Amino acid sequence: DPSRLKQALLNLLSNSIKFTSKGSVVLSAELELRPDPNSPAHPSQLPAEMGVIRIEVTDTGVGMSPEQAESLFRPFAQASASTYGQYGGSGLGLVITRQLLELMGGKVYVAM
């Protein structure tokens, strides 16, 4: 669903940009085809179920502890009270992102 994917990407990028005052935010995407070995079709003619799009957002932002990363996808969670005061936000953007991606059969996680 293009509109759900667009919203998820917007949420991920907005978060990265919000917490990166200097440095970079990078979005990368890779199509990983999983062709049926019995199919003579060219990869460009394969059905969507035969591939996975891996999207990665990396940044040089403020960073977080493993404990903060664990709570990242919980509703209304903020890294700390000072984070909310400095950066704002409802604590729902990444929760919504996770739900959107799961509805499409995807997943989101933090790599540290």
PDB file of N, CA and C in Angstrom:
ATOM      1  N   ASP A   1       0.848  -1.175   0.000  1.00  0.00           N
ATOM      2  CA  ASP A   1       0.000   0.000   0.000  1.00  0.00           C
ATOM      3  C   ASP A   1       0.897   1.244   0.000  1.00  0.00           C
ATOM      4  N   PRO A   2       0.961   1.953  -1.098  1.00  0.00           N
ATOM      5  CA  PRO A   2       1.874   3.091  -1.218  1.00  0.00           C
ATOM      6  C   PRO A   2       1.657   4.182  -0.170  1.00  0.00           C
ATOM      7  N   SER A   3       0.406   4.468   0.194  1.00  0.00           N
ATOM      8  CA  SER A   3       0.189   5.554   1.160  1.00  0.00           C
ATOM      9  C   SER A   3       0.639   5.145   2.565  1.00  0.00           C
ATOM     10  N   ARG A   4       0.454   3.883   2.934  1.00  0.00           N
ATOM     11  CA  ARG A   4       0.936   3.423   4.254  1.00  0.00           C
ATOM     12  C   ARG A   4       2.462   3.425   4.295  1.00  0.00           C
ATOM     13  N   LEU A   5       3.079   2.975   3.218  1.00  0.00           N
ATOM     14  CA  LEU A   5       4.536   2.974   3.157  1.00  0.00           C
ATOM     15  C   LEU A   5       5.074   4.398   3.221  1.00  0.00           C
ATOM     16  N   LYS A   6       4.439   5.303   2.503  1.00  0.00           N
ATOM     17  CA  LYS A   6       4.853   6.710   2.522  1.00  0.00           C
ATOM     18  C   LYS A   6       4.764   7.276   3.938  1.00  0.00           C
ATOM     19  N   GLN A   7       3.665   6.990   4.657  1.00  0.00           N
ATOM     20  CA  GLN A   7       3.505   7.492   6.029  1.00  0.00           C
ATOM     21  C   GLN A   7       4.567   6.909   6.953  1.00  0.00           C
ATOM     22  N   ALA A   8       4.853   5.616   6.812  1.00  0.00           N
ATOM     23  CA  ALA A   8       5.869   4.976   7.648  1.00  0.00           C
ATOM     24  C   ALA A   8       7.242   5.604   7.404  1.00  0.00           C
ATOM     25  N   LEU A   9       7.584   5.816   6.142  1.00  0.00           N
ATOM     26  CA  LEU A   9       8.874   6.434   5.813  1.00  0.00           C
ATOM     27  C   LEU A   9       8.945   7.867   6.334  1.00  0.00           C
ATOM     28  N   LEU A  10       7.848   8.594   6.204  1.00  0.00           N
ATOM     29  CA  LEU A  10       7.810   9.967   6.708  1.00  0.00           C
ATOM     30  C   LEU A  10       8.035   9.996   8.215  1.00  0.00           C
ATOM     31  N   ASN A  11       7.406   9.075   8.941  1.00  0.00           N
ATOM     32  CA  ASN A  11       7.593   9.009  10.395  1.00  0.00           C
ATOM     33  C   ASN A  11       9.043   8.682  10.756  1.00  0.00           C
ATOM     34  N   LEU A  12       9.622   7.700  10.080  1.00  0.00           N
ATOM     35  CA  LEU A  12      11.011   7.314  10.376  1.00  0.00           C
ATOM     36  C   LEU A  12      11.984   8.454  10.078  1.00  0.00           C
ATOM     37  N   LEU A  13      11.816   9.068   8.917  1.00  0.00           N
ATOM     38  CA  LEU A  13      12.711  10.167   8.544  1.00  0.00           C
ATOM     39  C   LEU A  13      12.524  11.376   9.443  1.00  0.00           C
ATOM     40  N   SER A  14      11.285  11.694   9.797  1.00  0.00           N
ATOM     41  CA  SER A  14      11.021  12.836  10.681  1.00  0.00           C
ATOM     42  C   SER A  14      11.709  12.646  12.026  1.00  0.00           C
ATOM     43  N   ASN A  15      11.623  11.428  12.565  1.00  0.00           N
ATOM     44  CA  ASN A  15      12.291  11.158  13.840  1.00  0.00           C
ATOM     45  C   ASN A  15      13.800  11.329  13.718  1.00  0.00           C
ATOM     46  N   SER A  16      14.370  10.775  12.668  1.00  0.00           N
ATOM     47  CA  SER A  16      15.821  10.888  12.483  1.00  0.00           C
ATOM     48  C   SER A  16      16.247  12.347  12.350  1.00  0.00           C
ATOM     49  N   ILE A  17      15.503  13.099  11.565  1.00  0.00           N
ATOM     50  CA  ILE A  17      15.846  14.507  11.363  1.00  0.00           C
ATOM     51  C   ILE A  17      15.699  15.284  12.672  1.00  0.00           C
ATOM     52  N   LYS A  18      14.636  14.992  13.425  1.00  0.00           N
ATOM     53  CA  LYS A  18      14.386  15.708  14.686  1.00  0.00           C
ATOM     54  C   LYS A  18      15.546  15.530  15.673  1.00  0.00           C
ATOM     55  N   PHE A  19      16.145  14.337  15.694  1.00  0.00           N
ATOM     56  CA  PHE A  19      17.190  14.057  16.675  1.00  0.00           C
ATOM     57  C   PHE A  19      18.605  14.172  16.113  1.00  0.00           C
ATOM     58  N   THR A  20      18.744  14.755  14.933  1.00  0.00           N
ATOM     59  CA  THR A  20      20.062  14.932  14.319  1.00  0.00           C
ATOM     60  C   THR A  20      20.283  16.410  14.049  1.00  0.00           C
ATOM     61  N   SER A  21      21.012  17.073  14.949  1.00  0.00           N
ATOM     62  CA  SER A  21      21.259  18.511  14.774  1.00  0.00           C
ATOM     63  C   SER A  21      22.418  18.771  13.815  1.00  0.00           C
ATOM     64  N   LYS A  22      23.363  17.847  13.736  1.00  0.00           N
ATOM     65  CA  LYS A  22      24.440  17.957  12.749  1.00  0.00           C
ATOM     66  C   LYS A  22      24.854  16.565  12.327  1.00  0.00           C
ATOM     67  N   GLY A  23      25.407  16.482  11.150  1.00  0.00           N
ATOM     68  CA  GLY A  23      25.761  15.181  10.613  1.00  0.00           C
ATOM     69  C   GLY A  23      24.839  14.823   9.473  1.00  0.00           C
ATOM     70  N   SER A  24      24.334  13.582   9.473  1.00  0.00           N
ATOM     71  CA  SER A  24      23.550  13.146   8.322  1.00  0.00           C
ATOM     72  C   SER A  24      22.403  12.225   8.711  1.00  0.00           C
ATOM     73  N   VAL A  25      21.420  12.189   7.831  1.00  0.00           N
ATOM     74  CA  VAL A  25      20.321  11.225   7.866  1.00  0.00           C
ATOM     75  C   VAL A  25      20.328  10.582   6.488  1.00  0.00           C
ATOM     76  N   VAL A  26      20.389   9.255   6.452  1.00  0.00           N
ATOM     77  CA  VAL A  26      20.485   8.548   5.179  1.00  0.00           C
ATOM     78  C   VAL A  26      19.347   7.529   5.076  1.00  0.00           C
ATOM     79  N   LEU A  27      18.648   7.561   3.949  1.00  0.00           N
ATOM     80  CA  LEU A  27      17.622   6.573   3.633  1.00  0.00           C
ATOM     81  C   LEU A  27      18.173   5.688   2.529  1.00  0.00           C
ATOM     82  N   SER A  28      18.162   4.381   2.743  1.00  0.00           N
ATOM     83  CA  SER A  28      18.595   3.463   1.686  1.00  0.00           C
ATOM     84  C   SER A  28      17.528   2.384   1.529  1.00  0.00           C
ATOM     85  N   ALA A  29      17.409   1.884   0.320  1.00  0.00           N
ATOM     86  CA  ALA A  29      16.433   0.845   0.030  1.00  0.00           C
ATOM     87  C   ALA A  29      17.072  -0.196  -0.874  1.00  0.00           C
ATOM     88  N   GLU A  30      16.702  -1.438  -0.644  1.00  0.00           N
ATOM     89  CA  GLU A  30      17.245  -2.540  -1.432  1.00  0.00           C
ATOM     90  C   GLU A  30      16.122  -3.536  -1.696  1.00  0.00           C
ATOM     91  N   LEU A  31      15.992  -3.941  -2.932  1.00  0.00           N
ATOM     92  CA  LEU A  31      15.010  -4.966  -3.299  1.00  0.00           C
ATOM     93  C   LEU A  31      15.706  -6.316  -3.272  1.00  0.00           C
ATOM     94  N   GLU A  32      15.197  -7.195  -2.452  1.00  0.00           N
ATOM     95  CA  GLU A  32      15.758  -8.536  -2.327  1.00  0.00           C
ATOM     96  C   GLU A  32      14.761  -9.513  -2.954  1.00  0.00           C
ATOM     97  N   LEU A  33      15.080  -9.987  -4.137  1.00  0.00           N
ATOM     98  CA  LEU A  33      14.194 -10.921  -4.831  1.00  0.00           C
ATOM     99  C   LEU A  33      14.374 -12.328  -4.295  1.00  0.00           C
ATOM    100  N   ARG A  34      13.272 -13.009  -4.171  1.00  0.00           N
ATOM    101  CA  ARG A  34      13.288 -14.400  -3.730  1.00  0.00           C
ATOM    102  C   ARG A  34      12.565 -15.236  -4.780  1.00  0.00           C
ATOM    103  N   PRO A  35      13.199 -15.433  -5.922  1.00  0.00           N
ATOM    104  CA  PRO A  35      12.514 -16.135  -7.003  1.00  0.00           C
ATOM    105  C   PRO A  35      12.267 -17.612  -6.689  1.00  0.00           C
ATOM    106  N   ASP A  36      11.193 -18.099  -7.260  1.00  0.00           N
ATOM    107  CA  ASP A  36      10.869 -19.519  -7.185  1.00  0.00           C
ATOM    108  C   ASP A  36      11.853 -20.238  -8.116  1.00  0.00           C
ATOM    109  N   PRO A  37      12.627 -21.169  -7.601  1.00  0.00           N
ATOM    110  CA  PRO A  37      13.618 -21.839  -8.454  1.00  0.00           C
ATOM    111  C   PRO A  37      12.989 -22.591  -9.626  1.00  0.00           C
ATOM    112  N   ASN A  38      11.695 -22.883  -9.549  1.00  0.00           N
ATOM    113  CA  ASN A  38      11.017 -23.613 -10.620  1.00  0.00           C
ATOM    114  C   ASN A  38      10.391 -22.690 -11.661  1.00  0.00           C
ATOM    115  N   SER A  39      10.499 -21.374 -11.438  1.00  0.00           N
ATOM    116  CA  SER A  39       9.866 -20.419 -12.350  1.00  0.00           C
ATOM    117  C   SER A  39      10.851 -19.970 -13.419  1.00  0.00           C
ATOM    118  N   PRO A  40      10.433 -20.025 -14.692  1.00  0.00           N
ATOM    119  CA  PRO A  40      11.313 -19.552 -15.767  1.00  0.00           C
ATOM    120  C   PRO A  40      11.210 -18.039 -15.968  1.00  0.00           C
ATOM    121  N   ALA A  41      10.365 -17.352 -15.184  1.00  0.00           N
ATOM    122  CA  ALA A  41      10.128 -15.920 -15.380  1.00  0.00           C
ATOM    123  C   ALA A  41      11.363 -15.094 -15.052  1.00  0.00           C
ATOM    124  N   HIS A  42      11.510 -14.003 -15.762  1.00  0.00           N
ATOM    125  CA  HIS A  42      12.557 -13.026 -15.470  1.00  0.00           C
ATOM    126  C   HIS A  42      12.212 -12.368 -14.138  1.00  0.00           C
ATOM    127  N   PRO A  43      13.215 -12.003 -13.305  1.00  0.00           N
ATOM    128  CA  PRO A  43      12.918 -11.403 -12.006  1.00  0.00           C
ATOM    129  C   PRO A  43      11.973 -10.203 -12.058  1.00  0.00           C
ATOM    130  N   SER A  44      12.004  -9.420 -13.126  1.00  0.00           N
ATOM    131  CA  SER A  44      11.124  -8.253 -13.209  1.00  0.00           C
ATOM    132  C   SER A  44       9.662  -8.649 -13.400  1.00  0.00           C
ATOM    133  N   GLN A  45       9.400  -9.916 -13.731  1.00  0.00           N
ATOM    134  CA  GLN A  45       8.033 -10.382 -13.948  1.00  0.00           C
ATOM    135  C   GLN A  45       7.501 -11.193 -12.772  1.00  0.00           C
ATOM    136  N   LEU A  46       8.253 -11.249 -11.693  1.00  0.00           N
ATOM    137  CA  LEU A  46       7.828 -12.024 -10.539  1.00  0.00           C
ATOM    138  C   LEU A  46       6.759 -11.283  -9.752  1.00  0.00           C
ATOM    139  N   PRO A  47       5.842 -12.006  -9.124  1.00  0.00           N
ATOM    140  CA  PRO A  47       4.835 -11.341  -8.285  1.00  0.00           C
ATOM    141  C   PRO A  47       5.491 -10.707  -7.067  1.00  0.00           C
ATOM    142  N   ALA A  48       4.832  -9.700  -6.502  1.00  0.00           N
ATOM    143  CA  ALA A  48       5.385  -8.949  -5.371  1.00  0.00           C
ATOM    144  C   ALA A  48       5.704  -9.843  -4.176  1.00  0.00           C
ATOM    145  N   GLU A  49       4.948 -10.927  -3.988  1.00  0.00           N
ATOM    146  CA  GLU A  49       5.177 -11.806  -2.843  1.00  0.00           C
ATOM    147  C   GLU A  49       6.543 -12.479  -2.900  1.00  0.00           C
ATOM    148  N   MET A  50       7.205 -12.407  -4.026  1.00  0.00           N
ATOM    149  CA  MET A  50       8.478 -13.095  -4.207  1.00  0.00           C
ATOM    150  C   MET A  50       9.674 -12.201  -3.877  1.00  0.00           C
ATOM    151  N   GLY A  51       9.406 -11.034  -3.324  1.00  0.00           N
ATOM    152  CA  GLY A  51      10.499 -10.139  -2.996  1.00  0.00           C
ATOM    153  C   GLY A  51      10.236  -9.365  -1.727  1.00  0.00           C
ATOM    154  N   VAL A  52      11.293  -8.791  -1.191  1.00  0.00           N
ATOM    155  CA  VAL A  52      11.225  -8.002   0.029  1.00  0.00           C
ATOM    156  C   VAL A  52      11.969  -6.701  -0.222  1.00  0.00           C
ATOM    157  N   ILE A  53      11.391  -5.605   0.216  1.00  0.00           N
ATOM    158  CA  ILE A  53      12.095  -4.325   0.160  1.00  0.00           C
ATOM    159  C   ILE A  53      12.638  -4.055   1.554  1.00  0.00           C
ATOM    160  N   ARG A  54      13.925  -3.895   1.631  1.00  0.00           N
ATOM    161  CA  ARG A  54      14.570  -3.584   2.913  1.00  0.00           C
ATOM    162  C   ARG A  54      14.910  -2.096   2.889  1.00  0.00           C
ATOM    163  N   ILE A  55      14.345  -1.370   3.837  1.00  0.00           N
ATOM    164  CA  ILE A  55      14.560   0.068   3.920  1.00  0.00           C
ATOM    165  C   ILE A  55      15.270   0.357   5.231  1.00  0.00           C
ATOM    166  N   GLU A  56      16.285   1.182   5.151  1.00  0.00           N
ATOM    167  CA  GLU A  56      17.077   1.497   6.331  1.00  0.00           C
ATOM    168  C   GLU A  56      17.222   3.005   6.451  1.00  0.00           C
ATOM    169  N   VAL A  57      16.997   3.505   7.659  1.00  0.00           N
ATOM    170  CA  VAL A  57      17.232   4.912   7.951  1.00  0.00           C
ATOM    171  C   VAL A  57      18.335   4.950   9.005  1.00  0.00           C
ATOM    172  N   THR A  58      19.426   5.618   8.683  1.00  0.00           N
ATOM    173  CA  THR A  58      20.525   5.765   9.641  1.00  0.00           C
ATOM    174  C   THR A  58      20.790   7.248   9.845  1.00  0.00           C
ATOM    175  N   ASP A  59      21.252   7.577  11.038  1.00  0.00           N
ATOM    176  CA  ASP A  59      21.548   8.980  11.314  1.00  0.00           C
ATOM    177  C   ASP A  59      22.701   9.099  12.294  1.00  0.00           C
ATOM    178  N   THR A  60      23.190  10.304  12.414  1.00  0.00           N
ATOM    179  CA  THR A  60      24.273  10.604  13.353  1.00  0.00           C
ATOM    180  C   THR A  60      23.720  11.414  14.515  1.00  0.00           C
ATOM    181  N   GLY A  61      22.476  11.133  14.888  1.00  0.00           N
ATOM    182  CA  GLY A  61      21.777  11.884  15.929  1.00  0.00           C
ATOM    183  C   GLY A  61      22.312  11.628  17.321  1.00  0.00           C
ATOM    184  N   VAL A  62      21.497  12.009  18.308  1.00  0.00           N
ATOM    185  CA  VAL A  62      21.912  11.980  19.704  1.00  0.00           C
ATOM    186  C   VAL A  62      22.155  10.582  20.248  1.00  0.00           C
ATOM    187  N   GLY A  63      21.626   9.566  19.584  1.00  0.00           N
ATOM    188  CA  GLY A  63      21.827   8.194  20.038  1.00  0.00           C
ATOM    189  C   GLY A  63      20.887   7.821  21.167  1.00  0.00           C
ATOM    190  N   MET A  64      20.949   6.562  21.560  1.00  0.00           N
ATOM    191  CA  MET A  64      20.096   6.082  22.647  1.00  0.00           C
ATOM    192  C   MET A  64      20.718   4.847  23.273  1.00  0.00           C
ATOM    193  N   SER A  65      20.319   4.602  24.503  1.00  0.00           N
ATOM    194  CA  SER A  65      20.791   3.415  25.213  1.00  0.00           C
ATOM    195  C   SER A  65      19.958   2.210  24.774  1.00  0.00           C
ATOM    196  N   PRO A  66      20.438   0.999  25.049  1.00  0.00           N
ATOM    197  CA  PRO A  66      19.625  -0.189  24.740  1.00  0.00           C
ATOM    198  C   PRO A  66      18.253  -0.158  25.438  1.00  0.00           C
ATOM    199  N   GLU A  67      18.206   0.386  26.655  1.00  0.00           N
ATOM    200  CA  GLU A  67      16.939   0.484  27.379  1.00  0.00           C
ATOM    201  C   GLU A  67      15.974   1.431  26.663  1.00  0.00           C
ATOM    202  N   GLN A  68      16.495   2.545  26.163  1.00  0.00           N
ATOM    203  CA  GLN A  68      15.656   3.481  25.428  1.00  0.00           C
ATOM    204  C   GLN A  68      15.167   2.853  24.121  1.00  0.00           C
ATOM    205  N   ALA A  69      16.026   2.092  23.466  1.00  0.00           N
ATOM    206  CA  ALA A  69      15.645   1.434  22.216  1.00  0.00           C
ATOM    207  C   ALA A  69      14.513   0.436  22.448  1.00  0.00           C
ATOM    208  N   GLU A  70      14.523  -0.255  23.597  1.00  0.00           N
ATOM    209  CA  GLU A  70      13.470  -1.216  23.919  1.00  0.00           C
ATOM    210  C   GLU A  70      12.103  -0.561  24.017  1.00  0.00           C
ATOM    211  N   SER A  71      12.051   0.669  24.532  1.00  0.00           N
ATOM    212  CA  SER A  71      10.767   1.339  24.731  1.00  0.00           C
ATOM    213  C   SER A  71      10.330   2.160  23.522  1.00  0.00           C
ATOM    214  N   LEU A  72      11.117   2.189  22.496  1.00  0.00           N
ATOM    215  CA  LEU A  72      10.888   3.053  21.343  1.00  0.00           C
ATOM    216  C   LEU A  72       9.535   2.849  20.675  1.00  0.00           C
ATOM    217  N   PHE A  73       9.030   1.644  20.655  1.00  0.00           N
ATOM    218  CA  PHE A  73       7.789   1.354  19.949  1.00  0.00           C
ATOM    219  C   PHE A  73       6.593   1.181  20.882  1.00  0.00           C
ATOM    220  N   ARG A  74       6.729   1.655  22.129  1.00  0.00           N
ATOM    221  CA  ARG A  74       5.611   1.635  23.073  1.00  0.00           C
ATOM    222  C   ARG A  74       4.879   2.966  23.002  1.00  0.00           C
ATOM    223  N   PRO A  75       3.542   2.934  23.061  1.00  0.00           N
ATOM    224  CA  PRO A  75       2.778   4.187  22.968  1.00  0.00           C
ATOM    225  C   PRO A  75       3.179   5.187  24.048  1.00  0.00           C
ATOM    226  N   PHE A  76       3.298   6.427  23.654  1.00  0.00           N
ATOM    227  CA  PHE A  76       3.582   7.576  24.507  1.00  0.00           C
ATOM    228  C   PHE A  76       4.950   7.517  25.189  1.00  0.00           C
ATOM    229  N   ALA A  77       5.814   6.618  24.753  1.00  0.00           N
ATOM    230  CA  ALA A  77       7.143   6.501  25.358  1.00  0.00           C
ATOM    231  C   ALA A  77       8.053   7.591  24.804  1.00  0.00           C
ATOM    232  N   GLN A  78       8.829   8.173  25.678  1.00  0.00           N
ATOM    233  CA  GLN A  78       9.862   9.137  25.309  1.00  0.00           C
ATOM    234  C   GLN A  78      11.163   8.625  25.916  1.00  0.00           C
ATOM    235  N   ALA A  79      12.268   8.978  25.306  1.00  0.00           N
ATOM    236  CA  ALA A  79      13.559   8.522  25.832  1.00  0.00           C
ATOM    237  C   ALA A  79      13.751   8.997  27.272  1.00  0.00           C
ATOM    238  N   SER A  80      13.322  10.219  27.559  1.00  0.00           N
ATOM    239  CA  SER A  80      13.398  10.765  28.914  1.00  0.00           C
ATOM    240  C   SER A  80      12.547  12.021  28.964  1.00  0.00           C
ATOM    241  N   ALA A  81      12.313  12.521  30.160  1.00  0.00           N
ATOM    242  CA  ALA A  81      11.529  13.753  30.301  1.00  0.00           C
ATOM    243  C   ALA A  81      12.229  14.914  29.608  1.00  0.00           C
ATOM    244  N   SER A  82      13.548  14.943  29.676  1.00  0.00           N
ATOM    245  CA  SER A  82      14.281  16.035  29.026  1.00  0.00           C
ATOM    246  C   SER A  82      14.189  15.932  27.503  1.00  0.00           C
ATOM    247  N   THR A  83      14.078  14.713  26.998  1.00  0.00           N
ATOM    248  CA  THR A  83      13.922  14.535  25.552  1.00  0.00           C
ATOM    249  C   THR A  83      12.615  15.157  25.097  1.00  0.00           C
ATOM    250  N   TYR A  84      11.540  14.899  25.864  1.00  0.00           N
ATOM    251  CA  TYR A  84      10.248  15.471  25.498  1.00  0.00           C
ATOM    252  C   TYR A  84      10.317  16.992  25.542  1.00  0.00           C
ATOM    253  N   GLY A  85      10.925  17.537  26.591  1.00  0.00           N
ATOM    254  CA  GLY A  85      11.021  18.991  26.723  1.00  0.00           C
ATOM    255  C   GLY A  85      11.833  19.623  25.605  1.00  0.00           C
ATOM    256  N   GLN A  86      12.881  18.942  25.181  1.00  0.00           N
ATOM    257  CA  GLN A  86      13.756  19.501  24.157  1.00  0.00           C
ATOM    258  C   GLN A  86      13.222  19.280  22.746  1.00  0.00           C
ATOM    259  N   TYR A  87      12.660  18.099  22.477  1.00  0.00           N
ATOM    260  CA  TYR A  87      12.284  17.747  21.114  1.00  0.00           C
ATOM    261  C   TYR A  87      10.778  17.676  20.868  1.00  0.00           C
ATOM    262  N   GLY A  88       9.984  17.519  21.924  1.00  0.00           N
ATOM    263  CA  GLY A  88       8.535  17.416  21.758  1.00  0.00           C
ATOM    264  C   GLY A  88       8.127  16.084  21.174  1.00  0.00           C
ATOM    265  N   GLY A  89       6.902  16.016  20.718  1.00  0.00           N
ATOM    266  CA  GLY A  89       6.365  14.791  20.127  1.00  0.00           C
ATOM    267  C   GLY A  89       5.418  14.089  21.071  1.00  0.00           C
ATOM    268  N   SER A  90       4.567  13.260  20.496  1.00  0.00           N
ATOM    269  CA  SER A  90       3.549  12.554  21.279  1.00  0.00           C
ATOM    270  C   SER A  90       4.013  11.173  21.736  1.00  0.00           C
ATOM    271  N   GLY A  91       5.057  10.656  21.107  1.00  0.00           N
ATOM    272  CA  GLY A  91       5.469   9.289  21.409  1.00  0.00           C
ATOM    273  C   GLY A  91       4.629   8.266  20.663  1.00  0.00           C
ATOM    274  N   LEU A  92       3.947   8.697  19.603  1.00  0.00           N
ATOM    275  CA  LEU A  92       3.100   7.784  18.838  1.00  0.00           C
ATOM    276  C   LEU A  92       3.604   7.506  17.422  1.00  0.00           C
ATOM    277  N   GLY A  93       4.498   8.329  16.903  1.00  0.00           N
ATOM    278  CA  GLY A  93       4.937   8.192  15.511  1.00  0.00           C
ATOM    279  C   GLY A  93       5.502   6.830  15.181  1.00  0.00           C
ATOM    280  N   LEU A  94       6.384   6.314  16.016  1.00  0.00           N
ATOM    281  CA  LEU A  94       6.997   5.019  15.731  1.00  0.00           C
ATOM    282  C   LEU A  94       6.045   3.862  16.037  1.00  0.00           C
ATOM    283  N   VAL A  95       5.113   4.072  16.959  1.00  0.00           N
ATOM    284  CA  VAL A  95       4.090   3.064  17.233  1.00  0.00           C
ATOM    285  C   VAL A  95       3.212   2.912  15.993  1.00  0.00           C
ATOM    286  N   ILE A  96       2.797   4.032  15.425  1.00  0.00           N
ATOM    287  CA  ILE A  96       1.989   4.020  14.203  1.00  0.00           C
ATOM    288  C   ILE A  96       2.777   3.392  13.060  1.00  0.00           C
ATOM    289  N   THR A  97       4.051   3.737  12.964  1.00  0.00           N
ATOM    290  CA  THR A  97       4.908   3.171  11.918  1.00  0.00           C
ATOM    291  C   THR A  97       4.952   1.654  12.020  1.00  0.00           C
ATOM    292  N   ARG A  98       5.156   1.147  13.218  1.00  0.00           N
ATOM    293  CA  ARG A  98       5.206  -0.309  13.405  1.00  0.00           C
ATOM    294  C   ARG A  98       3.883  -0.951  12.984  1.00  0.00           C
ATOM    295  N   GLN A  99       2.765  -0.351  13.390  1.00  0.00           N
ATOM    296  CA  GLN A  99       1.462  -0.909  13.040  1.00  0.00           C
ATOM    297  C   GLN A  99       1.234  -0.902  11.530  1.00  0.00           C
ATOM    298  N   LEU A 100       1.594   0.197  10.879  1.00  0.00           N
ATOM    299  CA  LEU A 100       1.434   0.278   9.424  1.00  0.00           C
ATOM    300  C   LEU A 100       2.244  -0.802   8.718  1.00  0.00           C
ATOM    301  N   LEU A 101       3.499  -0.950   9.134  1.00  0.00           N
ATOM    302  CA  LEU A 101       4.361  -1.933   8.483  1.00  0.00           C
ATOM    303  C   LEU A 101       3.895  -3.362   8.752  1.00  0.00           C
ATOM    304  N   GLU A 102       3.426  -3.631   9.964  1.00  0.00           N
ATOM    305  CA  GLU A 102       2.935  -4.975  10.272  1.00  0.00           C
ATOM    306  C   GLU A 102       1.671  -5.294   9.477  1.00  0.00           C
ATOM    307  N   LEU A 103       0.822  -4.287   9.241  1.00  0.00           N
ATOM    308  CA  LEU A 103      -0.374  -4.492   8.417  1.00  0.00           C
ATOM    309  C   LEU A 103      -0.009  -4.919   6.997  1.00  0.00           C
ATOM    310  N   MET A 104       1.170  -4.492   6.550  1.00  0.00           N
ATOM    311  CA  MET A 104       1.632  -4.845   5.206  1.00  0.00           C
ATOM    312  C   MET A 104       2.563  -6.057   5.216  1.00  0.00           C
ATOM    313  N   GLY A 105       2.670  -6.722   6.361  1.00  0.00           N
ATOM    314  CA  GLY A 105       3.519  -7.907   6.445  1.00  0.00           C
ATOM    315  C   GLY A 105       4.977  -7.588   6.698  1.00  0.00           C
ATOM    316  N   GLY A 106       5.265  -6.370   7.107  1.00  0.00           N
ATOM    317  CA  GLY A 106       6.651  -5.971   7.352  1.00  0.00           C
ATOM    318  C   GLY A 106       6.967  -5.883   8.824  1.00  0.00           C
ATOM    319  N   LYS A 107       8.133  -5.368   9.124  1.00  0.00           N
ATOM    320  CA  LYS A 107       8.538  -5.175  10.518  1.00  0.00           C
ATOM    321  C   LYS A 107       9.519  -4.020  10.575  1.00  0.00           C
ATOM    322  N   VAL A 108       9.658  -3.473  11.770  1.00  0.00           N
ATOM    323  CA  VAL A 108      10.595  -2.384  11.997  1.00  0.00           C
ATOM    324  C   VAL A 108      11.347  -2.693  13.290  1.00  0.00           C
ATOM    325  N   TYR A 109      12.614  -2.355  13.299  1.00  0.00           N
ATOM    326  CA  TYR A 109      13.411  -2.608  14.493  1.00  0.00           C
ATOM    327  C   TYR A 109      14.572  -1.624  14.546  1.00  0.00           C
ATOM    328  N   VAL A 110      15.208  -1.576  15.700  1.00  0.00           N
ATOM    329  CA  VAL A 110      16.359  -0.704  15.899  1.00  0.00           C
ATOM    330  C   VAL A 110      17.609  -1.560  15.871  1.00  0.00           C
ATOM    331  N   ALA A 111      18.561  -1.191  15.041  1.00  0.00           N
ATOM    332  CA  ALA A 111      19.865  -1.858  15.011  1.00  0.00           C
ATOM    333  C   ALA A 111      20.855  -0.916  15.678  1.00  0.00           C
ATOM    334  N   MET A 112      21.570  -1.443  16.644  1.00  0.00           N
ATOM    335  CA  MET A 112      22.511  -0.572  17.361  1.00  0.00           C
ATOM    336  C   MET A 112      23.930  -1.029  17.134  1.00  0.00           C
TER     337      MET A 112
END
